[in-house]
Amino acid sequence: MTETTTPADSVSEVVMSMAMRHTHYRRDQLDPTADLEGELGIDSVVLIAIIGDAAKQLGLPANLTSDISVTTLDALIQELEAHDRGQAVDLLPAESDPAAEPVVELSIGELDPIGPAGDTAWDGRSMRDFLVSDKPDLFAKASEFAAHRRDREAEHLYWYGMPLRSRCTNRARIYDEISGRTREFLMFGSNNYLGLANHPRVIDAICAATREFGATNTGCRIIGGTNHLHKELERRLAAFKGREAAIVYPGGYAANLGAISALVGPNDAVIVDKLNHMSIVDGWKLSGGLRRIYRHNDMAHLETVLDRCAEQTRGMLIATDGVFSMHGDICDLPQIVELAQRYGARVLVDDAHATGVLGVTGTGTAEHFSLKGEVDLELGTMSKTLAGMGGFVVGDEDVIDYLRFYSNSYVFAATIPAGVAAGLIAAIDVMETEPERIAMLWNNIRILSGYLDTAGFDLEHSRSAILPIVVGDERKAMEMGRAVRARGLFCQTVVFPGVPLGEARLRVSVTSEHTPEDLALAAQIFIDAGRETGVLQ
């Protein structure tokens, strides 16, 4: 290793140049002393890109992206100045080719000794380390990640995308493509919160409409793609949410992309909670507006950001998740609405994980806080509680009609099939006629969260059907996820980029279909796995 000879002013110029490239700010808009998230709207993913490109141009190791944690551009400049020039150490793990295993059936509770036999060398890299590469081939990072992923899979630490071989209810049969085993699992990784995905009325409605109208409409909504069921679905969604009008998009992600990018322009600002869903972030990117980040559920910080933005921009949109998908807590909507009214901002609440869960009738966050009609736009996805596909936005009729002509993800995208629309209408019918499903869901949430809290797990501030078991260390979280699966329970192991480094967790989703026996058995599995891996002492 040799000491760097890059002049300090060159480091500064490179960093500022990369920051302008990745944020689209002008040089005069980038204060090197400004807080990256709160004042400049630069999140960890954008920062990694800035560091990676700056390191490449300065001849520094590409793996600096995992070593540097800064909150201002000035601090980044100082960090890069302090690093020596040199070549990155090749940390690529050897590829593994686990022997094929025979297909066997295991019952829930029967321990499957999955994973490597004995200790293996630990590769400490995370998915963050493969966002950038110092190699000239655009696909180099894909090859590097592939080798890393295969090793994780061989150790049964990555277990993503395994196919179901049954309906997804409180239990499900899943095929392990790595080991060749199929077994029944307790299912705590589903967003089917009210069990509507398997309701006979929903399934029958989908089948009947598909037979009548065909598999798809083969067109976008404004050119040959609108079926009368789409109109009826929008009418029902608006009535369900208590708003004037609704617009249906191909997906919840598309709804955030389309609504935010259509309403926010270059002279406007999108103000977002640090833990918002990535679709909100990507909607801002498409809009070309300024983005400002406030600390999670920190209303004092939100007010500070609003105060600054009021002097710099024209219009302001506060966008927030209703229920935060990896944490299970709820936004402070009363304070958000009060601040928005004070500063002349509009409010968008993404109710993806709140629809069917929050509120007496399950209409979402606004109902939960008795703020119906006080939120400008309520957005949701129909792939969770509503048991279909698509996304929607409800609000004032003039605004919704504007979105029909200016949301690119609506205008230029194919619509959901008529059969799916019919199933969604049936799902709303069931929600309205069987309110006991919400009561059953909340009874199950209270029981399982009580078990886990008593056992000593960190559930953060969850107030929804999502119960995070916070582990922190990524390796330990993946090992606990493996230990849980070995006992016949499936839930999500969440690491970067789902959560920041150091906040790895298991994400447990409760539904109304879980029985008291399911909940007791799940709690015991989590406790046994926690003790085995050292998460519980």
Protein backbone atom coordinates (compact mmCIF):
# COMPACT_ATOMS: atom_id res chain seq x y z
CA MET A 1 0.00 0.00 0.00
CA THR A 2 1.32 3.45 -0.87
CA GLU A 3 0.21 6.77 0.51
CA THR A 4 -2.25 8.64 -1.64
CA THR A 5 -0.92 11.49 -3.75
CA THR A 6 -4.29 12.78 -4.87
CA PRO A 7 -4.49 16.50 -4.01
CA ALA A 8 -7.18 17.36 -1.48
CA ASP A 9 -8.89 19.73 -3.89
CA SER A 10 -9.07 16.93 -6.49
CA VAL A 11 -10.82 14.66 -3.99
CA SER A 12 -13.28 17.44 -3.26
CA GLU A 13 -13.95 18.05 -6.95
CA VAL A 14 -14.48 14.36 -7.65
CA VAL A 15 -16.88 13.94 -4.73
CA MET A 16 -18.92 17.00 -5.69
CA SER A 17 -18.98 15.92 -9.32
CA MET A 18 -20.24 12.44 -8.41
CA ALA A 19 -22.83 13.95 -6.05
CA MET A 20 -24.17 16.15 -8.84
CA ARG A 21 -24.30 13.17 -11.20
CA HIS A 22 -26.31 10.98 -8.84
CA THR A 23 -28.62 13.61 -7.33
CA HIS A 24 -29.12 15.90 -10.36
CA TYR A 25 -28.50 18.90 -8.13
CA ARG A 26 -26.60 21.94 -9.37
CA ARG A 27 -23.28 22.66 -7.66
CA ASP A 28 -24.74 25.64 -5.81
CA GLN A 29 -27.45 23.38 -4.34
CA LEU A 30 -24.94 21.00 -2.73
CA ASP A 31 -23.78 22.41 0.59
CA PRO A 32 -20.87 20.15 1.67
CA THR A 33 -21.80 20.69 5.33
CA ALA A 34 -25.51 19.89 4.91
CA ASP A 35 -26.95 16.70 6.40
CA LEU A 36 -27.16 14.15 3.59
CA GLU A 37 -30.59 12.80 4.42
CA GLY A 38 -32.40 15.59 6.23
CA GLU A 39 -31.25 18.49 4.04
CA LEU A 40 -30.13 17.00 0.73
CA GLY A 41 -32.36 13.94 0.50
CA ILE A 42 -29.40 11.63 -0.22
CA ASP A 43 -30.16 8.18 1.15
CA SER A 44 -27.78 5.26 1.72
CA VAL A 45 -28.24 3.77 -1.76
CA VAL A 46 -27.41 7.05 -3.53
CA LEU A 47 -24.49 7.60 -1.15
CA ILE A 48 -23.07 4.17 -2.02
CA ALA A 49 -23.19 5.08 -5.71
CA ILE A 50 -21.41 8.38 -5.02
CA ILE A 51 -18.69 6.67 -2.96
CA GLY A 52 -18.23 3.88 -5.51
CA ASP A 53 -17.83 6.21 -8.49
CA ALA A 54 -15.61 8.60 -6.55
CA ALA A 55 -13.39 5.73 -5.38
CA LYS A 56 -13.10 4.42 -8.93
CA GLN A 57 -12.10 7.81 -10.34
CA LEU A 58 -9.59 8.37 -7.52
CA GLY A 59 -8.05 4.92 -7.87
CA LEU A 60 -9.20 3.81 -4.43
CA PRO A 61 -10.48 0.31 -3.52
CA ALA A 62 -14.06 -0.40 -4.59
CA ASN A 63 -14.87 -2.02 -1.25
CA LEU A 64 -14.72 1.37 0.48
CA THR A 65 -18.50 1.52 0.09
CA SER A 66 -18.89 -0.90 3.01
CA ASP A 67 -16.33 0.88 5.20
CA ILE A 68 -17.48 4.49 5.01
CA SER A 69 -20.43 5.86 6.99
CA VAL A 70 -20.82 9.65 6.80
CA THR A 71 -23.57 12.23 7.17
CA THR A 72 -22.15 15.11 5.06
CA LEU A 73 -20.22 15.46 1.82
CA ASP A 74 -17.45 17.21 3.76
CA ALA A 75 -17.05 14.14 5.94
CA LEU A 76 -16.94 11.93 2.84
CA ILE A 77 -14.20 14.09 1.33
CA GLN A 78 -12.17 13.80 4.52
CA GLU A 79 -12.66 10.01 4.64
CA LEU A 80 -11.47 9.58 1.05
CA GLU A 81 -8.48 11.83 1.64
CA ALA A 82 -7.48 9.63 4.57
CA HIS A 83 -7.53 6.37 2.54
CA ASP A 84 -4.43 5.02 0.80
CA ARG A 85 -4.42 4.11 -2.86
CA GLY A 86 -4.30 0.40 -3.59
CA GLN A 87 -6.00 -2.59 -5.04
CA ALA A 88 -9.09 -4.08 -3.42
CA VAL A 89 -8.52 -7.49 -1.84
CA ASP A 90 -10.29 -10.24 -3.76
CA LEU A 91 -12.77 -11.64 -1.26
CA LEU A 92 -14.75 -13.76 -3.69
CA PRO A 93 -15.77 -16.99 -2.02
CA ALA A 94 -15.22 -20.27 -3.79
CA GLU A 95 -18.23 -21.53 -5.69
CA SER A 96 -20.06 -24.40 -4.10
CA ASP A 97 -22.03 -27.17 -5.70
CA PRO A 98 -23.95 -28.96 -2.95
CA ALA A 99 -24.79 -32.57 -3.71
CA ALA A 100 -28.36 -33.21 -4.69
CA GLU A 101 -30.45 -34.54 -1.83
CA PRO A 102 -33.43 -36.87 -2.07
CA VAL A 103 -36.91 -35.45 -1.69
CA VAL A 104 -38.24 -36.14 1.79
CA GLU A 105 -41.32 -35.06 3.73
CA LEU A 106 -40.93 -33.55 7.20
CA SER A 107 -43.73 -32.60 9.56
CA ILE A 108 -43.86 -29.30 11.42
CA GLY A 109 -41.80 -29.52 14.56
CA GLU A 110 -39.48 -32.18 13.17
CA LEU A 111 -35.96 -30.77 13.08
CA ASP A 112 -34.27 -30.78 9.69
CA PRO A 113 -30.49 -30.49 10.16
CA ILE A 114 -30.04 -28.12 7.23
CA GLY A 115 -26.94 -26.05 6.68
CA PRO A 116 -23.24 -26.87 6.39
CA ALA A 117 -21.72 -29.58 8.57
CA GLY A 118 -19.34 -27.85 10.99
CA ASP A 119 -17.98 -24.32 10.91
CA THR A 120 -17.29 -22.63 7.58
CA ALA A 121 -15.29 -19.50 6.87
CA TRP A 122 -17.56 -16.47 7.12
CA ASP A 123 -17.69 -14.04 4.23
CA GLY A 124 -18.66 -10.80 5.95
CA ARG A 125 -19.93 -9.00 2.86
CA SER A 126 -23.59 -8.05 2.49
CA MET A 127 -25.68 -7.19 -0.58
CA ARG A 128 -24.51 -3.61 -0.13
CA ASP A 129 -21.04 -4.64 -1.33
CA PHE A 130 -22.31 -5.56 -4.78
CA LEU A 131 -24.05 -2.30 -5.67
CA VAL A 132 -20.92 -1.02 -7.41
CA SER A 133 -17.81 -2.58 -8.95
CA ASP A 134 -14.46 -1.15 -10.00
CA LYS A 135 -14.36 -3.40 -13.09
CA PRO A 136 -15.16 -1.94 -16.54
CA ASP A 137 -17.70 -4.66 -17.44
CA LEU A 138 -21.20 -3.54 -16.51
CA PHE A 139 -22.10 -7.12 -15.57
CA ALA A 140 -19.06 -7.73 -13.35
CA LYS A 141 -20.96 -7.02 -10.15
CA ALA A 142 -23.61 -9.53 -11.20
CA SER A 143 -20.99 -12.29 -11.49
CA GLU A 144 -19.46 -11.33 -8.16
CA PHE A 145 -22.81 -11.39 -6.42
CA ALA A 146 -23.74 -14.70 -8.04
CA ALA A 147 -20.77 -16.44 -6.42
CA HIS A 148 -21.58 -14.82 -3.07
CA ARG A 149 -25.24 -15.79 -3.37
CA ARG A 150 -24.46 -19.40 -4.19
CA ASP A 151 -22.35 -19.73 -1.05
CA ARG A 152 -25.08 -18.20 1.07
CA GLU A 153 -27.59 -20.61 -0.46
CA ALA A 154 -25.32 -23.60 0.12
CA GLU A 155 -25.27 -22.65 3.80
CA HIS A 156 -29.10 -22.31 3.77
CA LEU A 157 -28.78 -18.65 4.77
CA TYR A 158 -30.33 -17.24 1.58
CA TRP A 159 -33.66 -18.95 1.03
CA TYR A 160 -35.47 -16.45 -1.15
CA GLY A 161 -37.97 -17.27 -3.88
CA MET A 162 -38.60 -20.91 -3.00
CA PRO A 163 -41.77 -22.13 -4.78
CA LEU A 164 -45.02 -23.01 -3.06
CA ARG A 165 -46.60 -26.35 -3.85
CA SER A 166 -49.92 -25.61 -2.18
CA ARG A 167 -52.26 -22.77 -1.33
CA CYS A 168 -50.76 -20.25 1.05
CA THR A 169 -52.90 -20.42 4.19
CA ASN A 170 -51.81 -20.69 7.82
CA ARG A 171 -49.70 -23.58 6.56
CA ALA A 172 -48.07 -24.14 3.19
CA ARG A 173 -45.97 -26.72 1.40
CA ILE A 174 -42.71 -25.25 0.07
CA TYR A 175 -40.11 -26.88 -2.16
CA ASP A 176 -36.49 -26.22 -1.19
CA GLU A 177 -34.66 -25.96 -4.52
CA ILE A 178 -31.28 -26.25 -2.79
CA SER A 179 -31.82 -29.49 -0.89
CA GLY A 180 -34.59 -30.98 -3.03
CA ARG A 181 -36.91 -31.31 -0.03
CA THR A 182 -40.57 -30.45 0.20
CA ARG A 183 -42.19 -29.97 3.57
CA GLU A 184 -45.13 -28.30 5.22
CA PHE A 185 -44.37 -25.07 7.05
CA LEU A 186 -46.23 -22.88 9.47
CA MET A 187 -46.65 -19.82 7.24
CA PHE A 188 -45.74 -16.51 8.89
CA GLY A 189 -44.40 -14.84 5.75
CA SER A 190 -47.69 -14.04 4.00
CA ASN A 191 -49.48 -10.68 3.67
CA ASN A 192 -52.83 -12.47 3.32
CA TYR A 193 -53.87 -10.75 6.55
CA LEU A 194 -57.59 -11.61 6.46
CA GLY A 195 -57.35 -14.90 4.60
CA LEU A 196 -59.23 -13.57 1.58
CA ALA A 197 -56.85 -15.11 -0.97
CA ASN A 198 -58.45 -18.49 -0.32
CA HIS A 199 -62.04 -17.38 0.22
CA PRO A 200 -64.48 -19.29 -2.04
CA ARG A 201 -66.36 -16.13 -3.05
CA VAL A 202 -63.15 -14.47 -4.20
CA ILE A 203 -61.93 -17.50 -6.14
CA ASP A 204 -65.35 -18.10 -7.74
CA ALA A 205 -65.58 -14.44 -8.82
CA ILE A 206 -62.15 -14.63 -10.48
CA CYS A 207 -63.03 -17.82 -12.33
CA ALA A 208 -66.43 -16.59 -13.52
CA ALA A 209 -65.14 -13.24 -14.80
CA THR A 210 -62.16 -14.85 -16.51
CA ARG A 211 -64.46 -17.25 -18.37
CA GLU A 212 -66.68 -14.33 -19.43
CA PHE A 213 -64.06 -11.71 -20.35
CA GLY A 214 -60.92 -13.73 -21.09
CA ALA A 215 -57.46 -13.89 -19.58
CA THR A 216 -56.59 -10.21 -20.06
CA ASN A 217 -57.66 -7.01 -21.78
CA THR A 218 -54.45 -6.65 -23.84
CA GLY A 219 -54.42 -2.90 -23.50
CA CYS A 220 -53.97 0.13 -21.26
CA ARG A 221 -56.94 1.70 -19.53
CA ILE A 222 -57.39 4.68 -21.85
CA ILE A 223 -56.99 2.70 -25.09
CA GLY A 224 -59.18 -0.37 -25.16
CA GLY A 225 -58.21 -1.78 -21.78
CA THR A 226 -61.11 -0.70 -19.57
CA ASN A 227 -63.69 -3.27 -18.58
CA HIS A 228 -66.85 -2.31 -16.69
CA LEU A 229 -65.41 -4.28 -13.74
CA HIS A 230 -62.53 -1.79 -13.51
CA LYS A 231 -65.05 1.03 -13.18
CA GLU A 232 -66.98 -0.88 -10.53
CA LEU A 233 -63.79 -1.70 -8.62
CA GLU A 234 -62.82 1.98 -8.54
CA ARG A 235 -66.29 2.93 -7.35
CA ARG A 236 -66.12 0.31 -4.58
CA LEU A 237 -62.62 1.34 -3.48
CA ALA A 238 -63.65 4.99 -3.25
CA ALA A 239 -66.74 4.08 -1.23
CA PHE A 240 -64.72 1.72 1.00
CA LYS A 241 -62.20 4.46 1.78
CA GLY A 242 -64.85 7.18 2.02
CA ARG A 243 -63.42 9.33 -0.78
CA GLU A 244 -64.80 10.88 -3.96
CA ALA A 245 -62.87 8.83 -6.51
CA ALA A 246 -60.28 6.09 -7.03
CA ILE A 247 -57.78 5.16 -9.73
CA VAL A 248 -56.45 1.61 -10.17
CA TYR A 249 -52.86 1.00 -11.30
CA PRO A 250 -51.19 -2.27 -12.39
CA GLY A 251 -49.46 -2.51 -8.98
CA GLY A 252 -48.87 -0.71 -5.70
CA TYR A 253 -45.34 0.19 -6.80
CA ALA A 254 -46.77 1.68 -9.99
CA ALA A 255 -49.27 3.69 -7.94
CA ASN A 256 -46.52 5.47 -5.99
CA LEU A 257 -44.41 5.97 -9.11
CA GLY A 258 -47.31 7.40 -11.08
CA ALA A 259 -48.98 9.55 -8.44
CA ILE A 260 -45.83 11.21 -7.08
CA SER A 261 -44.15 11.77 -10.45
CA ALA A 262 -47.36 13.24 -11.91
CA LEU A 263 -48.06 15.68 -9.08
CA VAL A 264 -44.55 16.79 -8.12
CA GLY A 265 -42.43 18.89 -10.47
CA PRO A 266 -38.87 20.25 -10.53
CA ASN A 267 -39.80 23.24 -8.36
CA ASP A 268 -41.60 21.10 -5.78
CA ALA A 269 -40.38 18.91 -2.92
CA VAL A 270 -41.22 15.40 -1.73
CA ILE A 271 -40.65 15.08 2.02
CA VAL A 272 -40.33 11.47 3.11
CA ASP A 273 -39.88 9.42 6.26
CA LYS A 274 -36.47 7.74 6.33
CA LEU A 275 -38.08 4.27 6.43
CA ASN A 276 -40.57 4.73 3.58
CA HIS A 277 -41.03 2.05 0.94
CA MET A 278 -38.67 2.25 -2.05
CA SER A 279 -41.59 2.92 -4.42
CA ILE A 280 -42.03 6.34 -2.77
CA VAL A 281 -38.33 7.06 -3.25
CA ASP A 282 -38.48 6.02 -6.91
CA GLY A 283 -41.57 8.17 -7.45
CA TRP A 284 -39.56 11.17 -6.30
CA LYS A 285 -36.70 10.30 -8.64
CA LEU A 286 -39.06 10.25 -11.63
CA SER A 287 -40.66 13.54 -10.59
CA GLY A 288 -37.44 15.55 -10.78
CA GLY A 289 -38.39 17.38 -7.58
CA LEU A 290 -36.31 17.91 -4.50
CA ARG A 291 -36.36 15.17 -1.87
CA ARG A 292 -35.97 15.81 1.82
CA ILE A 293 -35.79 13.05 4.43
CA TYR A 294 -36.93 13.37 8.03
CA ARG A 295 -35.89 11.00 10.77
CA HIS A 296 -38.31 8.13 11.31
CA ASN A 297 -41.51 9.38 12.97
CA ASP A 298 -39.58 12.41 14.31
CA MET A 299 -42.15 15.20 14.07
CA ALA A 300 -39.79 17.89 15.35
CA HIS A 301 -37.38 17.03 12.54
CA LEU A 302 -40.24 16.99 10.02
CA GLU A 303 -41.18 20.51 11.07
CA THR A 304 -37.57 21.64 10.63
CA VAL A 305 -37.50 20.15 7.12
CA LEU A 306 -40.83 21.74 6.22
CA ASP A 307 -39.66 25.11 7.47
CA ARG A 308 -36.58 24.96 5.26
CA CYS A 309 -38.47 23.66 2.23
CA ALA A 310 -41.12 26.37 2.48
CA GLU A 311 -38.45 28.93 1.57
CA GLN A 312 -36.88 26.88 -1.25
CA THR A 313 -39.72 25.27 -3.15
CA ARG A 314 -43.16 25.87 -4.56
CA GLY A 315 -45.34 22.89 -3.63
CA MET A 316 -44.65 20.27 -0.96
CA LEU A 317 -45.84 16.68 -0.61
CA ILE A 318 -45.34 14.74 2.61
CA ALA A 319 -45.31 11.04 1.69
CA THR A 320 -45.32 8.37 4.37
CA ASP A 321 -46.08 4.72 4.89
CA GLY A 322 -49.10 4.13 7.11
CA VAL A 323 -47.60 0.91 8.50
CA PHE A 324 -43.85 0.62 7.95
CA SER A 325 -43.36 -2.70 6.22
CA MET A 326 -40.17 -3.89 7.93
CA HIS A 327 -40.87 -2.42 11.37
CA GLY A 328 -44.61 -2.80 11.93
CA ASP A 329 -45.05 0.60 13.56
CA ILE A 330 -47.45 3.32 12.42
CA CYS A 331 -46.79 6.85 11.20
CA ASP A 332 -47.71 9.75 13.49
CA LEU A 333 -50.52 10.82 11.17
CA PRO A 334 -52.19 13.37 13.49
CA GLN A 335 -48.96 15.37 13.75
CA ILE A 336 -48.21 14.97 10.03
CA VAL A 337 -51.64 16.34 9.10
CA GLU A 338 -51.32 19.23 11.57
CA LEU A 339 -47.87 20.21 10.23
CA ALA A 340 -49.02 19.87 6.62
CA GLN A 341 -51.90 22.24 7.22
CA ARG A 342 -49.62 24.72 8.97
CA TYR A 343 -47.06 24.75 6.14
CA GLY A 344 -49.41 24.36 3.18
CA ALA A 345 -48.21 20.88 2.22
CA ARG A 346 -50.21 17.96 0.86
CA VAL A 347 -50.16 14.47 2.44
CA LEU A 348 -49.96 11.05 0.80
CA VAL A 349 -50.28 7.95 3.02
CA ASP A 350 -49.31 4.56 1.62
CA ASP A 351 -51.68 2.08 3.28
CA ALA A 352 -50.20 -1.06 1.70
CA HIS A 353 -49.97 -2.83 5.07
CA ALA A 354 -52.75 -0.86 6.78
CA THR A 355 -55.70 -1.64 4.50
CA GLY A 356 -57.62 -4.49 6.11
CA VAL A 357 -55.60 -4.16 9.32
CA LEU A 358 -56.01 -0.68 10.83
CA GLY A 359 -59.33 0.93 11.72
CA VAL A 360 -62.52 -0.61 13.00
CA THR A 361 -63.64 -1.51 9.47
CA GLY A 362 -60.11 -1.99 8.13
CA THR A 363 -60.00 1.05 5.85
CA GLY A 364 -56.54 2.06 7.03
CA THR A 365 -54.45 4.62 8.85
CA ALA A 366 -56.80 7.58 8.52
CA GLU A 367 -59.65 5.61 10.10
CA HIS A 368 -57.31 4.34 12.83
CA PHE A 369 -56.64 7.95 13.88
CA SER A 370 -60.19 9.23 13.19
CA LEU A 371 -58.83 11.42 10.39
CA LYS A 372 -61.03 10.32 7.50
CA GLY A 373 -61.10 13.10 4.91
CA GLU A 374 -58.08 14.86 6.43
CA VAL A 375 -55.51 13.04 4.24
CA ASP A 376 -55.17 14.31 0.67
CA LEU A 377 -54.28 11.00 -0.96
CA GLU A 378 -54.58 7.45 0.37
CA LEU A 379 -52.70 4.84 -1.59
CA GLY A 380 -52.74 1.08 -1.35
CA THR A 381 -51.84 -2.20 -2.93
CA MET A 382 -54.34 -4.94 -3.68
CA SER A 383 -51.84 -7.81 -3.49
CA LYS A 384 -51.99 -8.07 0.31
CA THR A 385 -55.26 -7.99 2.30
CA LEU A 386 -57.41 -7.58 -0.81
CA ALA A 387 -55.99 -10.80 -2.28
CA GLY A 388 -55.42 -9.75 -5.89
CA MET A 389 -53.03 -7.63 -7.92
CA GLY A 390 -52.80 -3.90 -8.57
CA GLY A 391 -52.57 -0.66 -6.68
CA PHE A 392 -54.89 2.27 -6.13
CA VAL A 393 -55.07 5.90 -5.07
CA VAL A 394 -58.17 7.56 -3.62
CA GLY A 395 -58.81 11.26 -3.15
CA ASP A 396 -60.70 14.23 -4.56
CA GLU A 397 -62.23 13.59 -7.97
CA ASP A 398 -60.35 16.39 -9.77
CA VAL A 399 -57.00 15.09 -8.53
CA ILE A 400 -57.81 11.49 -9.44
CA ASP A 401 -58.91 12.53 -12.93
CA TYR A 402 -55.65 14.45 -13.35
CA LEU A 403 -53.71 11.30 -12.50
CA ARG A 404 -55.56 9.39 -15.23
CA PHE A 405 -53.94 11.60 -17.86
CA TYR A 406 -50.56 12.42 -16.28
CA SER A 407 -49.51 9.21 -14.48
CA ASN A 408 -47.21 7.43 -16.92
CA SER A 409 -47.44 4.17 -14.99
CA TYR A 410 -51.22 4.26 -15.60
CA VAL A 411 -51.40 5.72 -19.11
CA PHE A 412 -48.68 3.57 -20.66
CA ALA A 413 -49.21 0.29 -18.78
CA ALA A 414 -51.54 -2.64 -19.30
CA THR A 415 -54.42 -2.91 -16.87
CA ILE A 416 -55.16 -5.69 -14.41
CA PRO A 417 -57.28 -8.50 -15.93
CA ALA A 418 -61.04 -8.34 -15.51
CA GLY A 419 -60.97 -11.58 -13.51
CA VAL A 420 -58.61 -10.01 -10.97
CA ALA A 421 -60.90 -6.95 -10.73
CA ALA A 422 -63.86 -9.23 -10.04
CA GLY A 423 -61.94 -11.02 -7.29
CA LEU A 424 -61.04 -7.70 -5.68
CA ILE A 425 -64.68 -6.59 -5.67
CA ALA A 426 -65.58 -9.89 -4.00
CA ALA A 427 -62.80 -9.37 -1.44
CA ILE A 428 -64.27 -5.97 -0.49
CA ASP A 429 -67.68 -7.64 -0.18
CA VAL A 430 -66.27 -10.22 2.23
CA MET A 431 -64.49 -7.58 4.31
CA GLU A 432 -67.70 -5.62 4.69
CA THR A 433 -69.90 -8.65 5.47
CA GLU A 434 -67.44 -10.53 7.70
CA PRO A 435 -65.97 -7.90 10.06
CA GLU A 436 -65.11 -10.64 12.52
CA ARG A 437 -62.03 -11.39 10.39
CA ILE A 438 -60.40 -8.16 11.59
CA ALA A 439 -61.25 -9.02 15.20
CA MET A 440 -59.69 -12.48 14.73
CA LEU A 441 -56.58 -10.93 13.21
CA TRP A 442 -56.05 -8.57 16.15
CA ASN A 443 -56.66 -11.33 18.66
CA ASN A 444 -53.91 -13.35 16.98
CA ILE A 445 -51.57 -10.33 16.89
CA ARG A 446 -52.01 -9.79 20.62
CA ILE A 447 -51.43 -13.47 21.44
CA LEU A 448 -48.25 -13.93 19.39
CA SER A 449 -46.73 -10.56 20.28
CA GLY A 450 -47.40 -11.38 23.94
CA TYR A 451 -45.57 -14.71 23.62
CA LEU A 452 -42.58 -13.14 21.87
CA ASP A 453 -42.38 -10.12 24.16
CA THR A 454 -42.47 -12.32 27.25
CA ALA A 455 -39.68 -14.47 25.79
CA GLY A 456 -37.48 -11.39 25.55
CA PHE A 457 -37.44 -10.68 21.81
CA ASP A 458 -37.05 -7.09 20.58
CA LEU A 459 -40.25 -6.27 18.66
CA GLU A 460 -39.43 -2.55 18.34
CA HIS A 461 -42.66 -0.51 18.35
CA SER A 462 -44.89 -2.76 16.27
CA ARG A 463 -48.59 -1.88 16.32
CA SER A 464 -49.74 -3.91 13.33
CA ALA A 465 -49.82 -7.43 11.88
CA ILE A 466 -46.07 -7.18 11.20
CA LEU A 467 -43.93 -8.32 14.14
CA PRO A 468 -40.20 -7.68 13.67
CA ILE A 469 -37.83 -9.87 15.67
CA VAL A 470 -34.85 -7.54 15.67
CA VAL A 471 -31.47 -9.28 15.73
CA GLY A 472 -29.12 -6.58 14.42
CA ASP A 473 -26.16 -8.63 13.22
CA GLU A 474 -26.75 -9.89 9.69
CA ARG A 475 -25.02 -13.22 10.16
CA LYS A 476 -26.89 -14.03 13.36
CA ALA A 477 -30.21 -13.03 11.78
CA MET A 478 -29.63 -15.35 8.82
CA GLU A 479 -28.59 -18.16 11.14
CA MET A 480 -31.74 -17.70 13.21
CA GLY A 481 -33.83 -17.70 10.03
CA ARG A 482 -32.18 -21.00 9.10
CA ALA A 483 -32.87 -22.44 12.57
CA VAL A 484 -36.53 -21.38 12.34
CA ARG A 485 -36.98 -23.01 8.93
CA ALA A 486 -35.27 -26.17 10.17
CA ARG A 487 -38.14 -26.50 12.64
CA GLY A 488 -40.83 -26.08 10.00
CA LEU A 489 -41.76 -22.38 10.22
CA PHE A 490 -41.40 -19.93 7.36
CA CYS A 491 -40.98 -16.19 7.84
CA GLN A 492 -38.86 -13.58 6.11
CA THR A 493 -35.22 -12.98 7.02
CA VAL A 494 -34.65 -9.32 6.22
CA VAL A 495 -31.15 -7.95 5.59
CA PHE A 496 -29.78 -5.05 3.52
CA PRO A 497 -31.30 -3.49 1.42
CA GLY A 498 -34.59 -4.33 3.16
CA VAL A 499 -33.21 -2.67 6.30
CA PRO A 500 -29.97 -0.76 6.95
CA LEU A 501 -26.84 -2.67 7.95
CA GLY A 502 -26.95 -3.45 11.66
CA GLU A 503 -30.75 -3.76 11.75
CA ALA A 504 -31.23 -7.30 10.37
CA ARG A 505 -34.35 -9.06 11.57
CA LEU A 506 -36.94 -11.75 11.09
CA ARG A 507 -40.24 -10.34 9.83
CA VAL A 508 -43.26 -12.24 11.13
CA SER A 509 -46.66 -11.66 9.50
CA VAL A 510 -49.76 -12.65 11.47
CA THR A 511 -53.07 -13.48 9.76
CA SER A 512 -56.63 -14.18 10.84
CA GLU A 513 -56.21 -17.79 9.68
CA HIS A 514 -53.66 -18.73 12.34
CA THR A 515 -55.08 -20.99 15.04
CA PRO A 516 -54.22 -20.85 18.76
CA GLU A 517 -52.17 -24.02 18.21
CA ASP A 518 -50.26 -22.35 15.35
CA LEU A 519 -49.41 -19.36 17.53
CA ALA A 520 -48.21 -21.43 20.49
CA LEU A 521 -46.11 -23.69 18.27
CA ALA A 522 -44.65 -20.69 16.41
CA ALA A 523 -43.66 -19.01 19.67
CA GLN A 524 -41.87 -22.17 20.84
CA ILE A 525 -40.04 -22.47 17.50
CA PHE A 526 -38.84 -18.87 17.71
CA ILE A 527 -37.70 -19.38 21.31
CA ASP A 528 -35.83 -22.60 20.48
CA ALA A 529 -34.19 -21.03 17.43
CA GLY A 530 -33.32 -17.90 19.39
CA ARG A 531 -31.59 -19.92 22.09
CA GLU A 532 -29.75 -22.08 19.56
CA THR A 533 -28.30 -19.04 17.77
CA GLY A 534 -27.67 -16.86 20.81
CA VAL A 535 -30.34 -14.29 19.94
CA LEU A 536 -31.98 -15.22 23.24
CA GLN A 537 -29.67 -15.78 26.19
